[in-house]
Amino acid sequence: MNNQNIYSVAQVNAYIHRMFSEDFLLKRVMVKGEVSNCKYHSSGHIYFTLKDRNASMAAVMFAGSRRQGLKFPMKDGDQVVVTGSIEVYERDGRYQIYAREITKEGRGDLYEEFLRRKAELAEMGMFDAAYKKPIPKYASRIGVVTAPTGAAIRDIIQIAKRRNPFVEIILYPALVQGEGALASVISGIRTLDAMGLDVLIVGRGGGSIEDLWTFNEEALAREIFACETPVISAVGHEIDYTIADFVADLRAPTPSAAAEQAVFDYRQFQQETEARKQQLEYRMQMRLQDAHYRANQYGQRLTLSSPEHKLKEKRQYSDQLQQRLTAAMNSQLRENRNRLQVLAGRLDGVSPAKKLSQGYAYISNEEGKRIPDLTGVEVGKNLRIRFHDGAAVAEVKEKIEDDIWKK
């Protein structure tokens, strides 16, 4: 093998890029088609697909070209003429048209058919809310009509099992695109409807309006409308709308969202139940504590109000009064003793007997009246003199006045 003839992917893509850039025709080309998968990026760029009945082409309009080259809000279904250059995006090895100017030519045929059919079925009342069946909250058996492979069924199963591991998912593997898709989806709805399931999910992943056209067919709309089991439509992405979305009992923006709407979140329910259980136990504990506290309060009040307790209180109060009375009496006795001692001392100080024992004498006349001084003495009269150890009677012979004591 000659290694000189082996090229890397990047080399091949770069070569093709140069070929496209050197082609004068592709530097300025005008292409007419219908807009599909139109996405407005946060950067200001617009990514979309330009298609007709036989082919499609990737397209992009950068924010710089959008300011001058786009004069209307472009959306899916618009029939437009795109002026720009066709170049190769080297990283992915795919070509696309880089739009510099986009003018509106009208709406595409498929989009016009979609609007016409939607209006007809709406006039028949097939979209009326009065015919919508409620989706059961606790579905345990869920039927799914979709392709057996692809992101849609994987997302539905993954989310369903995560939310509720006990839910039963019954898949009807249907064609969702191309020849035979309409009959396959209708057969899936009829088959699962006959099984008496709780809810059906009918849908597929995203795509162009052609890819999703099976879900715009009137026959499928009538089948969904006649289905006894509640139907959730989950077709395409959030921005995609089909006839099936309007006639179904509930429209989910994506298959993943359909699984979330159909399957009760058992794990969250367990967590909420456990939280409520703990909250209830806490409240019961608080109620019990409050009841015990109030019971103790009532018991104490009852005890305090009982005759026995009242009697004990009176006895205790009587004992306290007796102790206070005894203490008061003892205090009064001590005070009286002290006063008596003081008075006895003072009385002893003025006691005649004590004075007599100190050499003094008590003098009285014959009638026993005390003679305090010389004026009460009469000459010739008898005086009675009292000593501490006896008494004597003396006759007054003479009165002698003396002022010695006055000095």
Foldseek 3Di string as FASTA:
>chain_A
DDPVPDDDLLVVLVVQQVVQVPDPDQAKDKDKFFWWPWDQDPQRKIWTWGDDPPDIFTEIEHNVLCVPAPDDPDDGFWIKIFIGGWGADSVVSGIHGHGNHIDTDGGGPLVVVLVVLLVVVVVVVLLPLVLFDDQDQAFQEEEEEEAPDDDLVVLLVVLQCQQPVRHHYHYQHADQFDPPRLVRSLVSLVVVLVVPGREYEYEYEADTCRRRVSQQDPVVLVSQSPRPHQYEYAYYAQPDDHSNCSNGSHYARHSNRVSVRNHHRVVVVVVVVVVVVVVVVVVVVVVVVVVVVVVVVVVVVVCCPDPVNVVVVVVVVVVVVVVVVVVVVVVVVVVVVVVVVVVVVVCVVVPVLVVLVVVDKFKDFPVRHTDPDLVVADAQGWIWIGHNVGIDIDGHHDRDDDCPVVD
